[in-house]
Amino acid sequence: MPRKSPVVMRVSSLILALLFAAALCVRASATTLDVNPCTVVGVEMLDDVDSSSALPGDFFRFQTINAVTRGNTIVIPARTLGYGVVAIASPAGRGGRAGTLVLEPRYFVMPDGSHVGVVLNHNTSSLVRSGRTDNVPGYLGAIPVPGVGAAVGIFNFFHNGKNIEVKRGTVFTVFPSDDPKTERCQQHPEY
C-alpha cells in the first residue's frame, strides 16, 4: 500500500480540524434553553424602524427587559441583546395608501455568544401594523350624494397615507424558542 505524502496528511488533518470546528460552531449557535417554550419574555426595541425607509431584510436590535429565571437560576439575563429582521416594509403612498411594516424577531445572543431562537408573541404584538391614512372619513364615499364620491377620489389621489414608526423603547413579547411547538403558545381562535 503506498504511503501518503506529508503534505497530503497535513491537508487531511487540517480539513478534519476545520470540520470539527464547524460542527462545534453549529452546535454553539443553536442553544436550547431548559424553560417552557411558552414562557413570555418582555423585550424592548433598541432601534427606530420606519416604513418610509426600512427595507425587507434590514436587521433591528432589541433587548430583554427583565431576567428570565428557572427556579433560582437566571436563564436569560436582563438586557440580553436580540436581533430581528424586517420581513415586510412598504412606505405610505398616493391614494391614501398607508405604510406597512412587519418586524420578525429572530434570536437572542447569550453571554457565551450562542444564539437562542425566538418567536414573536402574536397575542400582544405591536410589530405588525399598518399606518392610518388620515383620509376624509370613509363613510363619505358610501353616501350616495352626487359629487361626494368624486371628491373623495380626488382627495385620495393626492393625499399620502401615514408611515409606520416603531420607536426605540417599544415593548413587545417573544417566546424563547423557535421550535414549531411554540405554535400552541399563540392563542389562535378555534375554528
C-alpha atoms as a PDB file:
ATOM      1  CA  MET A   1       0.000   0.000   0.000  1.00  0.00           C
ATOM      2  CA  PRO A   2       1.539   3.368  -0.996  1.00  0.00           C
ATOM      3  CA  ARG A   3       2.455   5.829   1.726  1.00  0.00           C
ATOM      4  CA  LYS A   4       0.727   9.206   1.785  1.00  0.00           C
ATOM      5  CA  SER A   5       2.928  12.212   1.422  1.00  0.00           C
ATOM      6  CA  PRO A   6       3.395  14.518   4.441  1.00  0.00           C
ATOM      7  CA  VAL A   7       1.600  17.340   2.574  1.00  0.00           C
ATOM      8  CA  VAL A   8      -1.496  15.173   1.966  1.00  0.00           C
ATOM      9  CA  MET A   9      -1.512  14.124   5.620  1.00  0.00           C
ATOM     10  CA  ARG A  10      -1.267  17.764   6.785  1.00  0.00           C
ATOM     11  CA  VAL A  11      -4.050  18.855   4.457  1.00  0.00           C
ATOM     12  CA  SER A  12      -6.215  15.931   5.612  1.00  0.00           C
ATOM     13  CA  SER A  13      -5.559  16.829   9.251  1.00  0.00           C
ATOM     14  CA  LEU A  14      -6.386  20.484   8.568  1.00  0.00           C
ATOM     15  CA  ILE A  15      -9.655  19.556   6.828  1.00  0.00           C
ATOM     16  CA  LEU A  16     -10.665  17.299   9.729  1.00  0.00           C
ATOM     17  CA  ALA A  17      -9.852  20.060  12.235  1.00  0.00           C
ATOM     18  CA  LEU A  18     -11.938  22.583  10.255  1.00  0.00           C
ATOM     19  CA  LEU A  19     -14.883  20.180  10.037  1.00  0.00           C
ATOM     20  CA  PHE A  20     -14.704  19.566  13.785  1.00  0.00           C
ATOM     21  CA  ALA A  21     -14.550  23.328  14.489  1.00  0.00           C
ATOM     22  CA  ALA A  22     -17.511  23.939  12.159  1.00  0.00           C
ATOM     23  CA  ALA A  23     -19.534  21.274  13.959  1.00  0.00           C
ATOM     24  CA  LEU A  24     -18.787  22.957  17.299  1.00  0.00           C
ATOM     25  CA  CYS A  25     -19.842  26.360  15.919  1.00  0.00           C
ATOM     26  CA  VAL A  26     -23.137  24.986  14.623  1.00  0.00           C
ATOM     27  CA  ARG A  27     -23.800  23.334  17.973  1.00  0.00           C
ATOM     28  CA  ALA A  28     -22.984  26.548  19.887  1.00  0.00           C
ATOM     29  CA  SER A  29     -25.098  28.754  17.640  1.00  0.00           C
ATOM     30  CA  ALA A  30     -28.385  26.945  18.285  1.00  0.00           C
ATOM     31  CA  THR A  31     -28.712  26.736  22.045  1.00  0.00           C
ATOM     32  CA  THR A  32     -31.889  25.332  23.578  1.00  0.00           C
ATOM     33  CA  LEU A  33     -32.950  26.606  26.982  1.00  0.00           C
ATOM     34  CA  ASP A  34     -34.416  24.389  29.653  1.00  0.00           C
ATOM     35  CA  VAL A  35     -37.552  26.535  30.072  1.00  0.00           C
ATOM     36  CA  ASN A  36     -41.129  26.202  28.932  1.00  0.00           C
ATOM     37  CA  PRO A  37     -41.166  27.393  25.282  1.00  0.00           C
ATOM     38  CA  CYS A  38     -44.376  29.325  26.065  1.00  0.00           C
ATOM     39  CA  THR A  39     -42.605  31.497  28.645  1.00  0.00           C
ATOM     40  CA  VAL A  40     -43.444  35.111  27.780  1.00  0.00           C
ATOM     41  CA  VAL A  41     -40.315  37.286  27.625  1.00  0.00           C
ATOM     42  CA  GLY A  42     -40.728  41.068  27.643  1.00  0.00           C
ATOM     43  CA  VAL A  43     -38.364  42.921  25.312  1.00  0.00           C
ATOM     44  CA  GLU A  44     -37.916  46.469  24.057  1.00  0.00           C
ATOM     45  CA  MET A  45     -36.714  47.920  20.765  1.00  0.00           C
ATOM     46  CA  LEU A  46     -33.217  49.417  20.667  1.00  0.00           C
ATOM     47  CA  ASP A  47     -33.612  50.909  17.175  1.00  0.00           C
ATOM     48  CA  ASP A  48     -36.181  53.088  15.425  1.00  0.00           C
ATOM     49  CA  VAL A  49     -37.695  51.391  12.370  1.00  0.00           C
ATOM     50  CA  ASP A  50     -39.834  53.387   9.925  1.00  0.00           C
ATOM     51  CA  SER A  51     -41.814  52.077   6.932  1.00  0.00           C
ATOM     52  CA  SER A  52     -40.669  55.095   4.891  1.00  0.00           C
ATOM     53  CA  SER A  53     -37.020  53.988   4.977  1.00  0.00           C
ATOM     54  CA  ALA A  54     -36.899  50.331   6.078  1.00  0.00           C
ATOM     55  CA  LEU A  55     -36.237  47.610   3.532  1.00  0.00           C
ATOM     56  CA  PRO A  56     -37.088  43.909   3.764  1.00  0.00           C
ATOM     57  CA  GLY A  57     -34.000  42.142   5.083  1.00  0.00           C
ATOM     58  CA  ASP A  58     -32.805  45.044   7.283  1.00  0.00           C
ATOM     59  CA  PHE A  59     -31.872  43.991  10.809  1.00  0.00           C
ATOM     60  CA  PHE A  60     -33.010  45.648  14.047  1.00  0.00           C
ATOM     61  CA  ARG A  61     -31.991  45.166  17.684  1.00  0.00           C
ATOM     62  CA  PHE A  62     -33.997  44.566  20.849  1.00  0.00           C
ATOM     63  CA  GLN A  63     -33.175  43.552  24.428  1.00  0.00           C
ATOM     64  CA  THR A  64     -34.831  41.764  27.324  1.00  0.00           C
ATOM     65  CA  ILE A  65     -36.378  43.985  29.955  1.00  0.00           C
ATOM     66  CA  ASN A  66     -36.060  41.570  32.892  1.00  0.00           C
ATOM     67  CA  ALA A  67     -34.154  38.367  33.528  1.00  0.00           C
ATOM     68  CA  VAL A  68     -35.842  35.051  32.798  1.00  0.00           C
ATOM     69  CA  THR A  69     -35.324  32.546  35.596  1.00  0.00           C
ATOM     70  CA  ARG A  70     -35.874  28.852  36.192  1.00  0.00           C
ATOM     71  CA  GLY A  71     -36.083  28.441  39.943  1.00  0.00           C
ATOM     72  CA  ASN A  72     -33.095  30.357  41.353  1.00  0.00           C
ATOM     73  CA  THR A  73     -31.124  30.168  38.109  1.00  0.00           C
ATOM     74  CA  ILE A  74     -31.005  33.047  35.621  1.00  0.00           C
ATOM     75  CA  VAL A  75     -31.556  31.505  32.194  1.00  0.00           C
ATOM     76  CA  ILE A  76     -31.686  34.729  30.161  1.00  0.00           C
ATOM     77  CA  PRO A  77     -30.102  37.769  31.833  1.00  0.00           C
ATOM     78  CA  ALA A  78     -31.762  41.186  31.806  1.00  0.00           C
ATOM     79  CA  ARG A  79     -30.681  43.334  28.847  1.00  0.00           C
ATOM     80  CA  THR A  80     -29.790  40.322  26.713  1.00  0.00           C
ATOM     81  CA  LEU A  81     -29.358  41.580  23.156  1.00  0.00           C
ATOM     82  CA  GLY A  82     -31.544  40.194  20.388  1.00  0.00           C
ATOM     83  CA  TYR A  83     -31.754  40.651  16.643  1.00  0.00           C
ATOM     84  CA  GLY A  84     -34.645  40.612  14.235  1.00  0.00           C
ATOM     85  CA  VAL A  85     -35.292  41.256  10.573  1.00  0.00           C
ATOM     86  CA  VAL A  86     -37.702  43.492   8.678  1.00  0.00           C
ATOM     87  CA  ALA A  87     -39.997  40.986   6.942  1.00  0.00           C
ATOM     88  CA  ILE A  88     -42.239  43.464   5.081  1.00  0.00           C
ATOM     89  CA  ALA A  89     -41.823  47.202   4.599  1.00  0.00           C
ATOM     90  CA  SER A  90     -43.811  49.440   2.312  1.00  0.00           C
ATOM     91  CA  PRO A  91     -43.885  53.238   2.546  1.00  0.00           C
ATOM     92  CA  ALA A  92     -47.098  55.234   2.529  1.00  0.00           C
ATOM     93  CA  GLY A  93     -48.145  56.379  -0.904  1.00  0.00           C
ATOM     94  CA  ARG A  94     -50.627  58.164  -3.073  1.00  0.00           C
ATOM     95  CA  GLY A  95     -54.266  57.356  -2.848  1.00  0.00           C
ATOM     96  CA  GLY A  96     -54.128  57.440   0.950  1.00  0.00           C
ATOM     97  CA  ARG A  97     -52.252  54.125   0.957  1.00  0.00           C
ATOM     98  CA  ALA A  98     -50.885  53.617   4.461  1.00  0.00           C
ATOM     99  CA  GLY A  99     -47.396  52.323   5.143  1.00  0.00           C
ATOM    100  CA  THR A 100     -46.951  48.717   6.219  1.00  0.00           C
ATOM    101  CA  LEU A 101     -44.274  47.286   8.476  1.00  0.00           C
ATOM    102  CA  VAL A 102     -43.796  43.723   9.747  1.00  0.00           C
ATOM    103  CA  LEU A 103     -40.846  43.007  12.036  1.00  0.00           C
ATOM    104  CA  GLU A 104     -39.745  39.482  12.878  1.00  0.00           C
ATOM    105  CA  PRO A 105     -37.596  38.929  15.997  1.00  0.00           C
ATOM    106  CA  ARG A 106     -35.128  36.092  15.310  1.00  0.00           C
ATOM    107  CA  TYR A 107     -32.789  35.323  18.233  1.00  0.00           C
ATOM    108  CA  PHE A 108     -31.095  36.344  21.483  1.00  0.00           C
ATOM    109  CA  VAL A 109     -27.305  36.476  21.737  1.00  0.00           C
ATOM    110  CA  MET A 110     -26.463  34.784  25.027  1.00  0.00           C
ATOM    111  CA  PRO A 111     -23.489  35.840  27.208  1.00  0.00           C
ATOM    112  CA  ASP A 112     -21.445  32.880  25.884  1.00  0.00           C
ATOM    113  CA  GLY A 113     -22.064  34.018  22.279  1.00  0.00           C
ATOM    114  CA  SER A 114     -24.567  31.286  21.431  1.00  0.00           C
ATOM    115  CA  HIS A 115     -27.930  32.105  19.862  1.00  0.00           C
ATOM    116  CA  VAL A 116     -31.366  31.242  21.195  1.00  0.00           C
ATOM    117  CA  GLY A 117     -34.130  31.440  18.602  1.00  0.00           C
ATOM    118  CA  VAL A 118     -37.270  33.380  19.481  1.00  0.00           C
ATOM    119  CA  VAL A 119     -40.795  33.653  18.087  1.00  0.00           C
ATOM    120  CA  LEU A 120     -42.928  36.784  18.252  1.00  0.00           C
ATOM    121  CA  ASN A 121     -45.860  36.530  20.649  1.00  0.00           C
ATOM    122  CA  HIS A 122     -48.701  37.470  18.296  1.00  0.00           C
ATOM    123  CA  ASN A 123     -51.111  37.621  21.243  1.00  0.00           C
ATOM    124  CA  THR A 124     -49.808  41.082  22.179  1.00  0.00           C
ATOM    125  CA  SER A 125     -47.794  42.076  19.108  1.00  0.00           C
ATOM    126  CA  SER A 126     -47.146  45.712  18.286  1.00  0.00           C
ATOM    127  CA  LEU A 127     -44.788  44.821  15.432  1.00  0.00           C
ATOM    128  CA  VAL A 128     -47.360  44.078  12.719  1.00  0.00           C
ATOM    129  CA  ARG A 129     -49.215  47.252  11.836  1.00  0.00           C
ATOM    130  CA  SER A 130     -50.437  49.448   9.038  1.00  0.00           C
ATOM    131  CA  GLY A 131     -50.433  53.212   9.203  1.00  0.00           C
ATOM    132  CA  ARG A 132     -53.553  55.308   9.484  1.00  0.00           C
ATOM    133  CA  THR A 133     -54.435  57.093   6.300  1.00  0.00           C
ATOM    134  CA  ASP A 134     -55.993  60.207   7.880  1.00  0.00           C
ATOM    135  CA  ASN A 135     -58.164  60.442   4.775  1.00  0.00           C
ATOM    136  CA  VAL A 136     -61.552  62.080   4.549  1.00  0.00           C
ATOM    137  CA  PRO A 137     -63.780  59.842   6.730  1.00  0.00           C
ATOM    138  CA  GLY A 138     -64.589  56.643   4.877  1.00  0.00           C
ATOM    139  CA  TYR A 139     -68.353  56.981   5.258  1.00  0.00           C
ATOM    140  CA  LEU A 140     -68.324  59.904   2.797  1.00  0.00           C
ATOM    141  CA  GLY A 141     -67.536  57.518  -0.038  1.00  0.00           C
ATOM    142  CA  ALA A 142     -70.590  55.427   0.866  1.00  0.00           C
ATOM    143  CA  ILE A 143     -73.093  58.297   0.865  1.00  0.00           C
ATOM    144  CA  PRO A 144     -75.000  58.320  -2.433  1.00  0.00           C
ATOM    145  CA  VAL A 145     -74.781  62.088  -2.884  1.00  0.00           C
ATOM    146  CA  PRO A 146     -73.785  63.292  -6.350  1.00  0.00           C
ATOM    147  CA  GLY A 147     -70.196  64.612  -6.404  1.00  0.00           C
ATOM    148  CA  VAL A 148     -69.180  63.388  -2.958  1.00  0.00           C
ATOM    149  CA  GLY A 149     -67.658  60.137  -4.225  1.00  0.00           C
ATOM    150  CA  ALA A 150     -65.667  62.028  -6.846  1.00  0.00           C
ATOM    151  CA  ALA A 151     -64.394  64.478  -4.209  1.00  0.00           C
ATOM    152  CA  VAL A 152     -63.159  61.598  -2.029  1.00  0.00           C
ATOM    153  CA  GLY A 153     -61.493  60.029  -5.073  1.00  0.00           C
ATOM    154  CA  ILE A 154     -59.646  63.225  -5.959  1.00  0.00           C
ATOM    155  CA  PHE A 155     -58.608  63.766  -2.324  1.00  0.00           C
ATOM    156  CA  ASN A 156     -57.243  60.224  -2.095  1.00  0.00           C
ATOM    157  CA  PHE A 157     -55.291  60.601  -5.331  1.00  0.00           C
ATOM    158  CA  PHE A 158     -53.225  63.499  -3.997  1.00  0.00           C
ATOM    159  CA  HIS A 159     -53.115  62.506  -0.339  1.00  0.00           C
ATOM    160  CA  ASN A 160     -50.423  60.213   1.078  1.00  0.00           C
ATOM    161  CA  GLY A 161     -51.225  57.892   3.947  1.00  0.00           C
ATOM    162  CA  LYS A 162     -49.180  57.677   7.140  1.00  0.00           C
ATOM    163  CA  ASN A 163     -45.981  55.702   7.590  1.00  0.00           C
ATOM    164  CA  ILE A 164     -45.462  53.285  10.460  1.00  0.00           C
ATOM    165  CA  GLU A 165     -42.833  54.052  13.045  1.00  0.00           C
ATOM    166  CA  VAL A 166     -41.731  51.540  15.659  1.00  0.00           C
ATOM    167  CA  LYS A 167     -39.739  53.675  18.051  1.00  0.00           C
ATOM    168  CA  ARG A 168     -36.830  52.778  20.291  1.00  0.00           C
ATOM    169  CA  GLY A 169     -38.312  51.667  23.622  1.00  0.00           C
ATOM    170  CA  THR A 170     -41.400  49.998  22.072  1.00  0.00           C
ATOM    171  CA  VAL A 171     -42.227  46.993  24.250  1.00  0.00           C
ATOM    172  CA  PHE A 172     -43.361  43.635  22.849  1.00  0.00           C
ATOM    173  CA  THR A 173     -43.063  39.999  23.890  1.00  0.00           C
ATOM    174  CA  VAL A 174     -41.455  36.868  22.468  1.00  0.00           C
ATOM    175  CA  PHE A 175     -41.269  33.169  23.268  1.00  0.00           C
ATOM    176  CA  PRO A 176     -37.722  31.851  23.955  1.00  0.00           C
ATOM    177  CA  SER A 177     -37.802  29.076  21.352  1.00  0.00           C
ATOM    178  CA  ASP A 178     -38.100  28.830  17.602  1.00  0.00           C
ATOM    179  CA  ASP A 179     -39.346  25.255  17.774  1.00  0.00           C
ATOM    180  CA  PRO A 180     -42.613  24.658  15.875  1.00  0.00           C
ATOM    181  CA  LYS A 181     -44.146  23.608  19.217  1.00  0.00           C
ATOM    182  CA  THR A 182     -44.441  27.329  20.072  1.00  0.00           C
ATOM    183  CA  GLU A 183     -47.419  27.410  17.714  1.00  0.00           C
ATOM    184  CA  ARG A 184     -49.506  26.176  20.648  1.00  0.00           C
ATOM    185  CA  CYS A 185     -48.396  29.259  22.618  1.00  0.00           C
ATOM    186  CA  GLN A 186     -50.237  31.558  20.197  1.00  0.00           C
ATOM    187  CA  GLN A 187     -53.868  31.957  21.193  1.00  0.00           C
ATOM    188  CA  HIS A 188     -55.421  31.280  17.802  1.00  0.00           C
ATOM    189  CA  PRO A 189     -59.211  31.239  17.717  1.00  0.00           C
ATOM    190  CA  GLU A 190     -60.755  27.803  17.369  1.00  0.00           C
ATOM    191  CA  TYR A 191     -62.385  27.110  14.024  1.00  0.00           C
END
